[in-house]
PDB file of all heavy atoms in Angstrom:
ATOM      1  N   GLY A   1       2.407  10.205   1.007  1.00  0.00           N
ATOM      2  CA  GLY A   1       2.328  10.763  -0.376  1.00  0.00           C
ATOM      3  C   GLY A   1       1.616   9.900  -1.367  1.00  0.00           C
ATOM      4  O   GLY A   1       1.510  10.241  -2.537  1.00  0.00           O
ATOM      5  N   ALA A   2       1.085   8.674  -0.958  1.00  0.00           N
ATOM      6  CA  ALA A   2       0.368   7.854  -1.887  1.00  0.00           C
ATOM      7  C   ALA A   2      -0.988   8.518  -2.190  1.00  0.00           C
ATOM      8  O   ALA A   2      -1.476   9.279  -1.442  1.00  0.00           O
ATOM      9  CB  ALA A   2       0.194   6.495  -1.290  1.00  0.00           C
ATOM     10  N   ALA A   3      -1.596   8.100  -3.378  1.00  0.00           N
ATOM     11  CA  ALA A   3      -2.850   8.645  -3.692  1.00  0.00           C
ATOM     12  C   ALA A   3      -3.711   7.574  -4.438  1.00  0.00           C
ATOM     13  O   ALA A   3      -3.185   6.777  -5.148  1.00  0.00           O
ATOM     14  CB  ALA A   3      -2.719   9.861  -4.626  1.00  0.00           C
ATOM     15  N   VAL A   4      -4.985   7.576  -4.104  1.00  0.00           N
ATOM     16  CA  VAL A   4      -5.926   6.622  -4.708  1.00  0.00           C
ATOM     17  C   VAL A   4      -7.079   7.536  -5.329  1.00  0.00           C
ATOM     18  O   VAL A   4      -7.784   8.232  -4.634  1.00  0.00           O
ATOM     19  CB  VAL A   4      -6.551   5.654  -3.672  1.00  0.00           C
ATOM     20  CG1 VAL A   4      -7.528   4.693  -4.412  1.00  0.00           C
ATOM     21  CG2 VAL A   4      -5.404   4.829  -2.978  1.00  0.00           C
ATOM     22  N   TRP A   5      -7.233   7.430  -6.612  1.00  0.00           N
ATOM     23  CA  TRP A   5      -8.095   8.334  -7.351  1.00  0.00           C
ATOM     24  C   TRP A   5      -9.538   7.765  -7.681  1.00  0.00           C
ATOM     25  O   TRP A   5      -9.851   6.700  -7.223  1.00  0.00           O
ATOM     26  CB  TRP A   5      -7.436   8.934  -8.581  1.00  0.00           C
ATOM     27  CG  TRP A   5      -6.305   9.789  -8.198  1.00  0.00           C
ATOM     28  CD1 TRP A   5      -4.966   9.444  -8.237  1.00  0.00           C
ATOM     29  CD2 TRP A   5      -6.293  11.081  -7.701  1.00  0.00           C
ATOM     30  NE1 TRP A   5      -4.137  10.419  -7.773  1.00  0.00           N
ATOM     31  CE2 TRP A   5      -4.917  11.563  -7.486  1.00  0.00           C
ATOM     32  CE3 TRP A   5      -7.335  11.997  -7.509  1.00  0.00           C
ATOM     33  CZ2 TRP A   5      -4.632  12.763  -6.977  1.00  0.00           C
ATOM     34  CZ3 TRP A   5      -6.990  13.242  -7.005  1.00  0.00           C
ATOM     35  CH2 TRP A   5      -5.694  13.632  -6.745  1.00  0.00           C
ATOM     36  N   ASN A   6     -10.257   8.470  -8.438  1.00  0.00           N
ATOM     37  CA  ASN A   6     -11.713   8.285  -8.676  1.00  0.00           C
ATOM     38  C   ASN A   6     -12.092   6.817  -8.943  1.00  0.00           C
ATOM     39  O   ASN A   6     -11.496   6.211  -9.772  1.00  0.00           O
ATOM     40  CB  ASN A   6     -12.205   9.171  -9.850  1.00  0.00           C
ATOM     41  CG  ASN A   6     -11.759  10.560  -9.751  1.00  0.00           C
ATOM     42  OD1 ASN A   6     -10.514  10.778  -9.637  1.00  0.00           O
ATOM     43  ND2 ASN A   6     -12.617  11.511  -9.887  1.00  0.00           N
ATOM     44  N   TRP A   7     -13.114   6.335  -8.179  1.00  0.00           N
ATOM     45  CA  TRP A   7     -13.763   5.120  -8.486  1.00  0.00           C
ATOM     46  C   TRP A   7     -12.866   3.840  -8.357  1.00  0.00           C
ATOM     47  O   TRP A   7     -13.237   2.796  -8.815  1.00  0.00           O
ATOM     48  CB  TRP A   7     -14.419   5.122  -9.803  1.00  0.00           C
ATOM     49  CG  TRP A   7     -15.292   6.366 -10.119  1.00  0.00           C
ATOM     50  CD1 TRP A   7     -15.057   7.308 -10.920  1.00  0.00           C
ATOM     51  CD2 TRP A   7     -16.528   6.667  -9.386  1.00  0.00           C
ATOM     52  NE1 TRP A   7     -15.937   8.353 -10.873  1.00  0.00           N
ATOM     53  CE2 TRP A   7     -16.912   7.962  -9.936  1.00  0.00           C
ATOM     54  CE3 TRP A   7     -17.268   6.055  -8.394  1.00  0.00           C
ATOM     55  CZ2 TRP A   7     -18.068   8.579  -9.499  1.00  0.00           C
ATOM     56  CZ3 TRP A   7     -18.440   6.698  -7.968  1.00  0.00           C
ATOM     57  CH2 TRP A   7     -18.793   7.961  -8.510  1.00  0.00           C
ATOM     58  N   SER A   8     -11.762   3.989  -7.754  1.00  0.00           N
ATOM     59  CA  SER A   8     -10.877   2.814  -7.566  1.00  0.00           C
ATOM     60  C   SER A   8     -11.356   2.081  -6.340  1.00  0.00           C
ATOM     61  O   SER A   8     -11.972   2.613  -5.454  1.00  0.00           O
ATOM     62  CB  SER A   8      -9.375   3.280  -7.401  1.00  0.00           C
ATOM     63  OG  SER A   8      -8.894   3.722  -8.624  1.00  0.00           O
ATOM     64  N   LYS A   9     -11.008   0.762  -6.323  1.00  0.00           N
ATOM     65  CA  LYS A   9     -11.294  -0.114  -5.148  1.00  0.00           C
ATOM     66  C   LYS A   9     -10.042  -0.819  -4.732  1.00  0.00           C
ATOM     67  O   LYS A   9      -9.388  -1.479  -5.490  1.00  0.00           O
ATOM     68  CB  LYS A   9     -12.365  -1.116  -5.546  1.00  0.00           C
ATOM     69  CG  LYS A   9     -12.789  -2.022  -4.324  1.00  0.00           C
ATOM     70  CD  LYS A   9     -13.998  -2.879  -4.703  1.00  0.00           C
ATOM     71  CE  LYS A   9     -14.336  -3.733  -3.437  1.00  0.00           C
ATOM     72  NZ  LYS A   9     -15.569  -4.587  -3.726  1.00  0.00           N
ATOM     73  N   VAL A  10      -9.718  -0.699  -3.471  1.00  0.00           N
ATOM     74  CA  VAL A  10      -8.573  -1.316  -2.850  1.00  0.00           C
ATOM     75  C   VAL A  10      -9.034  -2.234  -1.675  1.00  0.00           C
ATOM     76  O   VAL A  10      -9.575  -1.694  -0.701  1.00  0.00           O
ATOM     77  CB  VAL A  10      -7.530  -0.254  -2.340  1.00  0.00           C
ATOM     78  CG1 VAL A  10      -6.300  -0.989  -1.839  1.00  0.00           C
ATOM     79  CG2 VAL A  10      -7.251   0.711  -3.424  1.00  0.00           C
ATOM     80  N   ARG A  11      -8.811  -3.490  -1.837  1.00  0.00           N
ATOM     81  CA  ARG A  11      -9.381  -4.408  -0.839  1.00  0.00           C
ATOM     82  C   ARG A  11      -8.503  -4.595   0.364  1.00  0.00           C
ATOM     83  O   ARG A  11      -7.449  -4.022   0.483  1.00  0.00           O
ATOM     84  CB  ARG A  11      -9.682  -5.775  -1.625  1.00  0.00           C
ATOM     85  CG  ARG A  11     -10.822  -5.664  -2.569  1.00  0.00           C
ATOM     86  CD  ARG A  11     -11.223  -7.061  -3.048  1.00  0.00           C
ATOM     87  NE  ARG A  11     -11.606  -7.934  -1.986  1.00  0.00           N
ATOM     88  CZ  ARG A  11     -11.858  -9.256  -2.101  1.00  0.00           C
ATOM     89  NH1 ARG A  11     -11.762  -9.792  -3.351  1.00  0.00           N
ATOM     90  NH2 ARG A  11     -12.210  -9.974  -1.096  1.00  0.00           N
ATOM     91  N   GLU A  12      -8.968  -5.450   1.275  1.00  0.00           N
ATOM     92  CA  GLU A  12      -8.423  -5.685   2.569  1.00  0.00           C
ATOM     93  C   GLU A  12      -7.000  -6.264   2.506  1.00  0.00           C
ATOM     94  O   GLU A  12      -6.642  -7.022   1.623  1.00  0.00           O
ATOM     95  CB  GLU A  12      -9.256  -6.624   3.399  1.00  0.00           C
ATOM     96  CG  GLU A  12      -9.475  -8.032   2.841  1.00  0.00           C
ATOM     97  CD  GLU A  12     -10.685  -8.126   1.904  1.00  0.00           C
ATOM     98  OE1 GLU A  12     -11.141  -7.077   1.393  1.00  0.00           O
ATOM     99  OE2 GLU A  12     -11.114  -9.201   1.742  1.00  0.00           O
ATOM    100  N   GLY A  13      -6.154  -5.779   3.462  1.00  0.00           N
ATOM    101  CA  GLY A  13      -4.833  -6.271   3.562  1.00  0.00           C
ATOM    102  C   GLY A  13      -3.801  -5.799   2.526  1.00  0.00           C
ATOM    103  O   GLY A  13      -2.660  -6.161   2.505  1.00  0.00           O
ATOM    104  N   VAL A  14      -4.182  -4.813   1.675  1.00  0.00           N
ATOM    105  CA  VAL A  14      -3.304  -4.289   0.687  1.00  0.00           C
ATOM    106  C   VAL A  14      -2.298  -3.370   1.304  1.00  0.00           C
ATOM    107  O   VAL A  14      -2.618  -2.627   2.209  1.00  0.00           O
ATOM    108  CB  VAL A  14      -4.098  -3.578  -0.462  1.00  0.00           C
ATOM    109  CG1 VAL A  14      -3.145  -2.810  -1.402  1.00  0.00           C
ATOM    110  CG2 VAL A  14      -4.925  -4.603  -1.234  1.00  0.00           C
ATOM    111  N   LYS A  15      -1.069  -3.377   0.766  1.00  0.00           N
ATOM    112  CA  LYS A  15      -0.052  -2.397   1.231  1.00  0.00           C
ATOM    113  C   LYS A  15       0.409  -1.616   0.027  1.00  0.00           C
ATOM    114  O   LYS A  15       0.867  -2.246  -0.938  1.00  0.00           O
ATOM    115  CB  LYS A  15       1.113  -3.089   1.931  1.00  0.00           C
ATOM    116  CG  LYS A  15       0.745  -3.720   3.340  1.00  0.00           C
ATOM    117  CD  LYS A  15       1.979  -4.240   4.023  1.00  0.00           C
ATOM    118  CE  LYS A  15       1.620  -4.799   5.369  1.00  0.00           C
ATOM    119  NZ  LYS A  15       2.765  -5.344   6.090  1.00  0.00           N
ATOM    120  N   ILE A  16       0.358  -0.353   0.103  1.00  0.00           N
ATOM    121  CA  ILE A  16       0.783   0.569  -0.991  1.00  0.00           C
ATOM    122  C   ILE A  16       1.881   1.526  -0.478  1.00  0.00           C
ATOM    123  O   ILE A  16       1.718   2.172   0.491  1.00  0.00           O
ATOM    124  CB  ILE A  16      -0.356   1.411  -1.588  1.00  0.00           C
ATOM    125  CG1 ILE A  16      -1.418   0.443  -2.125  1.00  0.00           C
ATOM    126  CG2 ILE A  16       0.034   2.392  -2.567  1.00  0.00           C
ATOM    127  CD1 ILE A  16      -2.759   1.091  -2.548  1.00  0.00           C
ATOM    128  N   GLY A  17       2.970   1.553  -1.221  1.00  0.00           N
ATOM    129  CA  GLY A  17       4.165   2.265  -0.737  1.00  0.00           C
ATOM    130  C   GLY A  17       4.131   3.764  -0.877  1.00  0.00           C
ATOM    131  O   GLY A  17       3.163   4.340  -1.398  1.00  0.00           O
ATOM    132  N   ARG A  18       5.169   4.396  -0.414  1.00  0.00           N
ATOM    133  CA  ARG A  18       5.234   5.905  -0.440  1.00  0.00           C
ATOM    134  C   ARG A  18       5.217   6.439  -1.823  1.00  0.00           C
ATOM    135  O   ARG A  18       5.911   5.924  -2.746  1.00  0.00           O
ATOM    136  CB  ARG A  18       6.574   6.297   0.230  1.00  0.00           C
ATOM    137  CG  ARG A  18       6.666   5.969   1.735  1.00  0.00           C
ATOM    138  CD  ARG A  18       7.996   6.352   2.270  1.00  0.00           C
ATOM    139  NE  ARG A  18       9.011   5.456   1.791  1.00  0.00           N
ATOM    140  CZ  ARG A  18      10.040   5.881   1.005  1.00  0.00           C
ATOM    141  NH1 ARG A  18      10.092   7.106   0.671  1.00  0.00           N
ATOM    142  NH2 ARG A  18      10.926   5.025   0.575  1.00  0.00           N
ATOM    143  N   GLY A  19       4.465   7.550  -2.088  1.00  0.00           N
ATOM    144  CA  GLY A  19       4.515   8.187  -3.352  1.00  0.00           C
ATOM    145  C   GLY A  19       3.814   7.485  -4.483  1.00  0.00           C
ATOM    146  O   GLY A  19       3.997   7.929  -5.659  1.00  0.00           O
ATOM    147  N   THR A  20       3.211   6.349  -4.193  1.00  0.00           N
ATOM    148  CA  THR A  20       2.550   5.586  -5.317  1.00  0.00           C
ATOM    149  C   THR A  20       1.275   6.199  -5.726  1.00  0.00           C
ATOM    150  O   THR A  20       0.482   6.595  -4.842  1.00  0.00           O
ATOM    151  CB  THR A  20       2.409   4.145  -4.936  1.00  0.00           C
ATOM    152  OG1 THR A  20       3.698   3.520  -4.908  1.00  0.00           O
ATOM    153  CG2 THR A  20       1.446   3.388  -5.833  1.00  0.00           C
ATOM    154  N   ASN A  21       0.990   6.295  -7.020  1.00  0.00           N
ATOM    155  CA  ASN A  21      -0.216   6.885  -7.540  1.00  0.00           C
ATOM    156  C   ASN A  21      -1.141   5.828  -8.169  1.00  0.00           C
ATOM    157  O   ASN A  21      -0.712   5.178  -9.143  1.00  0.00           O
ATOM    158  CB  ASN A  21       0.129   7.968  -8.570  1.00  0.00           C
ATOM    159  CG  ASN A  21      -1.017   8.829  -8.932  1.00  0.00           C
ATOM    160  OD1 ASN A  21      -1.494   9.704  -8.115  1.00  0.00           O
ATOM    161  ND2 ASN A  21      -1.555   8.639 -10.152  1.00  0.00           N
ATOM    162  N   ILE A  22      -2.373   5.665  -7.618  1.00  0.00           N
ATOM    163  CA  ILE A  22      -3.255   4.715  -8.117  1.00  0.00           C
ATOM    164  C   ILE A  22      -4.326   5.464  -8.922  1.00  0.00           C
ATOM    165  O   ILE A  22      -5.071   6.329  -8.404  1.00  0.00           O
ATOM    166  CB  ILE A  22      -3.999   3.952  -7.035  1.00  0.00           C
ATOM    167  CG1 ILE A  22      -2.939   3.305  -6.041  1.00  0.00           C
ATOM    168  CG2 ILE A  22      -4.943   2.910  -7.510  1.00  0.00           C
ATOM    169  CD1 ILE A  22      -2.064   2.274  -6.678  1.00  0.00           C
ATOM    170  N   GLY A  23      -4.471   5.248 -10.225  1.00  0.00           N
ATOM    171  CA  GLY A  23      -5.326   6.049 -11.128  1.00  0.00           C
ATOM    172  C   GLY A  23      -6.798   5.730 -10.934  1.00  0.00           C
ATOM    173  O   GLY A  23      -7.230   5.158  -9.935  1.00  0.00           O
ATOM    174  N   GLN A  24      -7.533   6.147 -11.947  1.00  0.00           N
ATOM    175  CA  GLN A  24      -9.012   6.040 -11.899  1.00  0.00           C
ATOM    176  C   GLN A  24      -9.454   4.650 -12.235  1.00  0.00           C
ATOM    177  O   GLN A  24      -8.922   3.933 -13.127  1.00  0.00           O
ATOM    178  CB  GLN A  24      -9.555   7.053 -12.930  1.00  0.00           C
ATOM    179  CG  GLN A  24     -11.119   7.007 -13.010  1.00  0.00           C
ATOM    180  CD  GLN A  24     -11.608   8.076 -13.959  1.00  0.00           C
ATOM    181  OE1 GLN A  24     -11.260   9.267 -13.753  1.00  0.00           O
ATOM    182  NE2 GLN A  24     -12.355   7.635 -14.893  1.00  0.00           N
ATOM    183  N   SER A  25     -10.475   4.174 -11.540  1.00  0.00           N
ATOM    184  CA  SER A  25     -11.151   2.904 -11.777  1.00  0.00           C
ATOM    185  C   SER A  25     -10.155   1.661 -11.769  1.00  0.00           C
ATOM    186  O   SER A  25     -10.219   0.761 -12.647  1.00  0.00           O
ATOM    187  CB  SER A  25     -11.873   2.897 -13.181  1.00  0.00           C
ATOM    188  OG  SER A  25     -12.824   3.944 -13.130  1.00  0.00           O
ATOM    189  N   VAL A  26      -9.277   1.731 -10.850  1.00  0.00           N
ATOM    190  CA  VAL A  26      -8.255   0.603 -10.570  1.00  0.00           C
ATOM    191  C   VAL A  26      -8.849  -0.305  -9.597  1.00  0.00           C
ATOM    192  O   VAL A  26      -9.420   0.077  -8.602  1.00  0.00           O
ATOM    193  CB  VAL A  26      -6.903   1.185 -10.184  1.00  0.00           C
ATOM    194  CG1 VAL A  26      -5.983   0.035  -9.716  1.00  0.00           C
ATOM    195  CG2 VAL A  26      -6.298   2.042 -11.238  1.00  0.00           C
ATOM    196  N   TYR A  27      -8.650  -1.629  -9.826  1.00  0.00           N
ATOM    197  CA  TYR A  27      -9.085  -2.634  -8.862  1.00  0.00           C
ATOM    198  C   TYR A  27      -7.791  -3.325  -8.352  1.00  0.00           C
ATOM    199  O   TYR A  27      -7.011  -3.915  -9.077  1.00  0.00           O
ATOM    200  CB  TYR A  27      -9.988  -3.732  -9.497  1.00  0.00           C
ATOM    201  CG  TYR A  27     -10.328  -4.859  -8.550  1.00  0.00           C
ATOM    202  CD1 TYR A  27     -11.232  -4.709  -7.510  1.00  0.00           C
ATOM    203  CD2 TYR A  27      -9.636  -6.098  -8.656  1.00  0.00           C
ATOM    204  CE1 TYR A  27     -11.540  -5.709  -6.655  1.00  0.00           C
ATOM    205  CE2 TYR A  27      -9.946  -7.124  -7.793  1.00  0.00           C
ATOM    206  CZ  TYR A  27     -10.900  -6.887  -6.785  1.00  0.00           C
ATOM    207  OH  TYR A  27     -11.190  -7.924  -5.913  1.00  0.00           O
ATOM    208  N   ILE A  28      -7.659  -3.310  -7.007  1.00  0.00           N
ATOM    209  CA  ILE A  28      -6.502  -3.986  -6.330  1.00  0.00           C
ATOM    210  C   ILE A  28      -7.115  -5.010  -5.388  1.00  0.00           C
ATOM    211  O   ILE A  28      -7.778  -4.649  -4.379  1.00  0.00           O
ATOM    212  CB  ILE A  28      -5.596  -2.973  -5.623  1.00  0.00           C
ATOM    213  CG1 ILE A  28      -5.114  -1.913  -6.677  1.00  0.00           C
ATOM    214  CG2 ILE A  28      -4.436  -3.691  -4.983  1.00  0.00           C
ATOM    215  CD1 ILE A  28      -4.286  -0.901  -5.991  1.00  0.00           C
TER     216      ILE A  28
END
């Protein structure tokens, strides 16, 4: 149920939990 939206960047080894919403142009 997680979501990563427009133009965001998620780098190697990241863990994102259930139902978490990552908005636009987010850098992780």
